[in-house]
Protein backbone atom coordinates (compact mmCIF):
# COMPACT_ATOMS: atom_id res chain seq x y z
CA MET A 1 162.19 -159.33 -75.87
CA SER A 2 163.31 -156.10 -78.00
CA GLU A 3 161.96 -152.66 -76.85
CA ALA A 4 162.36 -149.13 -78.76
CA VAL A 5 160.69 -146.34 -77.76
CA VAL A 6 159.29 -143.56 -80.98
CA VAL A 7 159.48 -140.25 -80.42
CA GLY A 8 156.32 -138.24 -81.81
CA ALA A 9 152.76 -139.70 -82.33
CA GLY A 10 152.75 -138.26 -85.80
CA VAL A 11 151.04 -140.14 -88.58
CA VAL A 12 154.68 -141.93 -89.27
CA GLY A 13 155.43 -142.34 -85.88
CA ALA A 14 152.36 -144.36 -84.85
CA CYS A 15 153.24 -145.92 -88.27
CA CYS A 16 156.89 -147.51 -87.22
CA ALA A 17 155.19 -147.74 -83.69
CA LEU A 18 152.93 -150.34 -85.14
CA ALA A 19 155.58 -151.86 -87.53
CA LEU A 20 158.33 -152.21 -85.09
CA GLN A 21 155.10 -153.61 -82.01
CA GLN A 22 154.43 -156.17 -85.02
CA ARG A 23 157.33 -156.87 -85.33
CA GLY A 24 157.78 -158.72 -81.22
CA VAL A 25 159.37 -154.89 -80.26
CA ALA A 26 158.07 -153.73 -77.14
CA VAL A 27 157.30 -149.99 -77.99
CA THR A 28 157.04 -146.81 -75.90
CA LEU A 29 155.13 -144.16 -78.00
CA VAL A 30 156.28 -140.84 -76.94
CA ASP A 31 154.80 -137.43 -77.45
CA ARG A 32 154.07 -133.98 -75.58
CA SER A 33 150.47 -134.24 -76.63
CA ALA A 34 147.43 -136.90 -77.90
CA PRO A 35 148.06 -138.31 -81.42
CA GLY A 36 148.01 -136.10 -84.36
CA GLU A 37 147.60 -132.78 -82.29
CA ALA A 38 151.05 -131.34 -84.35
CA CYS A 39 152.51 -131.66 -87.34
CA SER A 40 150.17 -134.23 -88.47
CA PHE A 41 147.13 -131.91 -87.77
CA GLY A 42 147.51 -129.53 -90.27
CA ASN A 43 148.64 -132.22 -93.07
CA SER A 44 146.51 -131.88 -96.42
CA GLY A 45 144.82 -135.40 -95.46
CA SER A 46 146.41 -136.85 -99.02
CA PHE A 47 148.65 -139.94 -100.43
CA GLY A 48 150.23 -138.38 -103.33
CA VAL A 49 151.15 -142.05 -105.04
CA GLY A 50 152.43 -139.90 -108.15
CA LEU A 51 153.92 -137.17 -106.59
CA ILE A 52 157.16 -139.14 -108.23
CA ALA A 53 159.07 -135.98 -108.85
CA PRO A 54 162.34 -135.83 -106.72
CA HIS A 55 162.85 -132.06 -104.91
CA ALA A 56 165.88 -132.10 -106.47
CA THR A 57 166.13 -131.02 -109.98
CA PRO A 58 167.96 -128.46 -112.77
CA GLY A 59 164.77 -126.51 -112.39
CA THR A 60 164.96 -126.83 -108.74
CA VAL A 61 168.80 -125.63 -108.58
CA ARG A 62 168.58 -122.52 -111.37
CA ARG A 63 165.57 -121.19 -109.10
CA ILE A 64 167.84 -121.54 -105.98
CA PRO A 65 168.59 -117.83 -106.32
CA GLN A 66 165.33 -116.66 -106.47
CA LEU A 67 163.83 -118.92 -104.00
CA TRP A 68 166.14 -117.40 -101.82
CA CYS A 69 165.95 -113.81 -102.28
CA GLY A 70 161.58 -114.21 -102.75
CA ARG A 71 159.59 -112.51 -99.88
CA ASP A 72 156.54 -115.02 -100.91
CA GLU A 73 158.82 -117.85 -101.30
CA PRO A 74 159.44 -120.93 -99.29
CA LEU A 75 163.47 -120.94 -99.24
CA ALA A 76 165.22 -119.39 -95.27
CA LEU A 77 168.69 -119.77 -94.91
CA ASN A 78 170.72 -117.73 -92.42
CA LEU A 79 174.35 -116.67 -94.29
CA ARG A 80 176.15 -118.26 -90.58
CA HIS A 81 174.54 -121.65 -92.19
CA LEU A 82 176.55 -121.95 -94.97
CA PRO A 83 179.69 -124.03 -94.61
CA ALA A 84 177.40 -126.16 -92.16
CA ILE A 85 175.48 -127.42 -95.59
CA PHE A 86 177.85 -127.02 -97.86
CA SER A 87 178.26 -131.25 -98.72
CA TRP A 88 174.42 -131.31 -98.77
CA GLY A 89 174.48 -128.44 -101.29
CA ARG A 90 176.89 -130.61 -103.51
CA ARG A 91 175.03 -133.39 -103.01
CA PHE A 92 171.81 -132.01 -103.72
CA ILE A 93 173.03 -130.83 -107.35
CA ALA A 94 174.09 -133.69 -107.81
CA ALA A 95 171.43 -135.47 -107.54
CA SER A 96 169.72 -132.95 -109.80
CA ARG A 97 171.18 -134.09 -112.76
CA ARG A 98 169.46 -137.80 -111.83
CA VAL A 99 165.92 -137.86 -111.81
CA ASP A 100 165.12 -140.33 -114.09
CA ALA A 101 166.58 -142.69 -111.40
CA LEU A 102 164.90 -140.85 -108.53
CA ALA A 103 161.71 -141.29 -110.31
CA ALA A 104 162.24 -144.81 -110.89
CA ALA A 105 162.99 -144.94 -107.16
CA ARG A 106 160.37 -143.22 -106.04
CA SER A 107 157.66 -144.85 -108.25
CA ALA A 108 158.89 -148.23 -107.67
CA LEU A 109 157.99 -147.24 -103.57
CA LEU A 110 155.25 -145.61 -103.37
CA SER A 111 153.27 -148.25 -105.65
CA ARG A 112 153.50 -150.46 -102.55
CA ALA A 113 152.16 -147.72 -100.55
CA TYR A 114 147.98 -148.65 -100.93
CA ASP A 115 148.62 -151.77 -99.71
CA ALA A 116 150.67 -150.88 -96.89
CA TRP A 117 147.95 -148.17 -95.89
CA ASP A 118 145.34 -150.94 -96.36
CA GLU A 119 146.90 -153.61 -93.98
CA LEU A 120 147.22 -151.16 -91.32
CA PHE A 121 143.41 -149.20 -91.64
CA ASP A 122 142.07 -153.07 -91.39
CA LEU A 123 143.94 -152.83 -87.81
CA ALA A 124 142.90 -149.30 -86.83
CA ALA A 125 139.50 -150.39 -88.26
CA ALA A 126 139.74 -147.11 -90.33
CA GLY A 127 138.89 -147.68 -93.61
CA ASP A 128 136.33 -145.48 -93.19
CA LEU A 129 139.12 -142.60 -94.05
CA ILE A 130 139.84 -143.70 -97.24
CA LYS A 131 138.58 -142.37 -100.14
CA SER A 132 139.96 -143.24 -104.06
CA ALA A 133 139.41 -139.90 -105.96
CA GLY A 134 142.62 -139.01 -107.46
CA MET A 135 144.05 -135.77 -107.18
CA ILE A 136 143.28 -132.17 -108.86
CA PHE A 137 145.72 -129.84 -109.38
CA ALA A 138 144.38 -126.61 -109.66
CA PHE A 139 146.49 -123.06 -111.46
CA SER A 140 145.51 -119.93 -110.51
CA HIS A 141 146.88 -118.75 -113.83
CA GLU A 142 146.24 -119.59 -117.81
CA ASP A 143 149.91 -120.79 -118.17
CA GLY A 144 150.10 -122.71 -114.96
CA PRO A 145 149.80 -126.10 -116.57
CA GLN A 146 152.58 -125.66 -119.13
CA ARG A 147 155.37 -124.71 -116.13
CA ILE A 148 154.68 -128.65 -115.12
CA ASP A 149 155.13 -130.08 -118.74
CA TRP A 150 158.47 -131.83 -117.86
CA LEU A 151 156.41 -132.94 -114.17
CA VAL A 152 153.68 -134.51 -116.21
CA SER A 153 155.88 -136.31 -119.01
CA LEU A 154 158.14 -137.70 -116.05
CA ALA A 155 155.23 -139.31 -114.33
CA ARG A 156 153.60 -140.60 -117.78
CA ARG A 157 156.72 -142.36 -118.24
CA HIS A 158 156.49 -143.74 -114.90
CA GLY A 159 152.71 -144.96 -115.45
CA VAL A 160 151.32 -142.12 -113.50
CA VAL A 161 147.82 -141.19 -114.98
CA ILE A 162 146.99 -138.07 -115.74
CA GLU A 163 144.14 -135.82 -117.52
CA ARG A 164 144.47 -132.30 -118.23
CA ILE A 165 140.35 -131.34 -117.71
CA SER A 166 138.85 -127.61 -117.84
CA GLY A 167 137.88 -125.67 -114.58
CA ASP A 168 134.28 -125.83 -114.92
CA GLU A 169 135.16 -129.73 -114.84
CA ALA A 170 137.41 -129.65 -111.89
CA ARG A 171 134.54 -127.85 -109.72
CA ARG A 172 132.33 -130.62 -110.69
CA MET A 173 134.58 -133.08 -109.17
CA ASN A 174 135.05 -131.38 -106.48
CA PRO A 175 132.66 -128.05 -105.87
CA SER A 176 134.70 -127.25 -102.83
CA LEU A 177 137.50 -125.87 -105.14
CA GLY A 178 137.95 -122.25 -104.77
CA ALA A 179 137.02 -122.43 -100.97
CA ILE A 180 138.77 -123.55 -97.76
CA ASN A 181 137.87 -128.02 -97.06
CA ARG A 182 139.74 -127.71 -94.20
CA PRO A 183 136.90 -130.29 -91.67
CA LEU A 184 137.63 -133.06 -94.45
CA ALA A 185 141.52 -132.54 -94.07
CA GLU A 186 141.53 -132.46 -90.15
CA SER A 187 139.31 -135.32 -89.58
CA PHE A 188 141.77 -137.39 -91.47
CA SER A 189 144.85 -135.76 -90.81
CA TYR A 190 144.05 -135.74 -86.92
CA ARG A 191 141.79 -139.28 -86.87
CA CYS A 192 144.37 -141.32 -89.15
CA PRO A 193 147.34 -141.00 -86.22
CA ARG A 194 145.20 -141.18 -83.85
CA ASP A 195 143.49 -144.17 -84.39
CA LEU A 196 146.89 -146.07 -84.83
CA SER A 197 148.48 -144.74 -82.22
CA TYR A 198 145.92 -145.93 -80.11
CA VAL A 199 145.84 -150.05 -81.68
CA CYS A 200 149.35 -149.76 -80.94
CA HIS A 201 148.07 -148.72 -77.23
CA ARG A 202 145.56 -151.30 -77.23
CA SER A 203 147.77 -153.75 -77.72
CA GLY A 204 150.17 -153.71 -75.23
CA GLY A 205 152.02 -150.54 -76.13
CA MET A 206 153.13 -147.57 -73.11
CA SER A 207 152.45 -144.33 -74.23
CA GLN A 208 153.65 -140.98 -72.51
CA PRO A 209 152.00 -138.64 -71.65
CA GLY A 210 149.00 -137.11 -73.79
CA PHE A 211 147.45 -141.25 -74.07
CA PRO A 212 144.59 -142.38 -72.73
CA GLY A 213 145.48 -144.13 -69.36
CA PRO A 214 148.67 -143.82 -67.39
CA PRO A 215 151.62 -142.47 -68.83
CA SER A 216 154.78 -144.14 -68.56
CA CYS A 217 157.64 -141.13 -67.22
CA GLY A 218 161.06 -141.52 -66.54
CA ASP A 219 164.61 -142.90 -67.35
CA TYR A 220 164.96 -145.12 -70.32
CA ASP A 221 167.68 -147.47 -71.46
CA LEU A 222 167.52 -148.41 -74.68
CA LYS A 223 169.23 -149.32 -77.41
CA ARG A 224 166.95 -148.27 -79.93
CA VAL A 225 164.98 -144.44 -80.33
CA LEU A 226 163.48 -143.74 -83.59
CA MET A 227 162.14 -140.04 -84.13
CA PRO A 228 160.82 -140.23 -87.18
């Protein structure tokens, strides 16, 4: 029997471990803590199947200086790393000229996401975690929606249904708007990888060290190590 180690028991690692196990691979799922307690724990707990726009867009490229220099912006870059990322930067800029093609590829991939998730949630008897309610994008400024007109147009071209509503309508649909709704997000983000990891464990998958049952420690002599 083939063997594999999956490093990381977040939602991606748990899904990879289960998929390998279903294909007859003996899986060891490794994490320093219990499943879902790291990156997945802080996730929003939503499926962005309509978020088909790629990260590399002409607008993103134009904003790189602002993103880099702004105090509250998300881009941090050490000047010493510039030579190492030069090749990646060229590919990023080249990709920004292929927005429609990349969006089409993302749309084709994400269109199968719900069916794939349903399979896994059936295995974990965790269907109660899923609620099909769409997504709400809320803006704090009046001109916010206009700033993403290009994104809305791109998504609609690929079949994503988008409706513009008022702030009052959004609050009626989701009364938690304006407040932090952490308990619901954490319930999904923690339980999802935890339940999927335990299915893998109960089906014979070995685990280390933050899982129920005895940990499997020591050296591994394997051909495949997956680090999601």
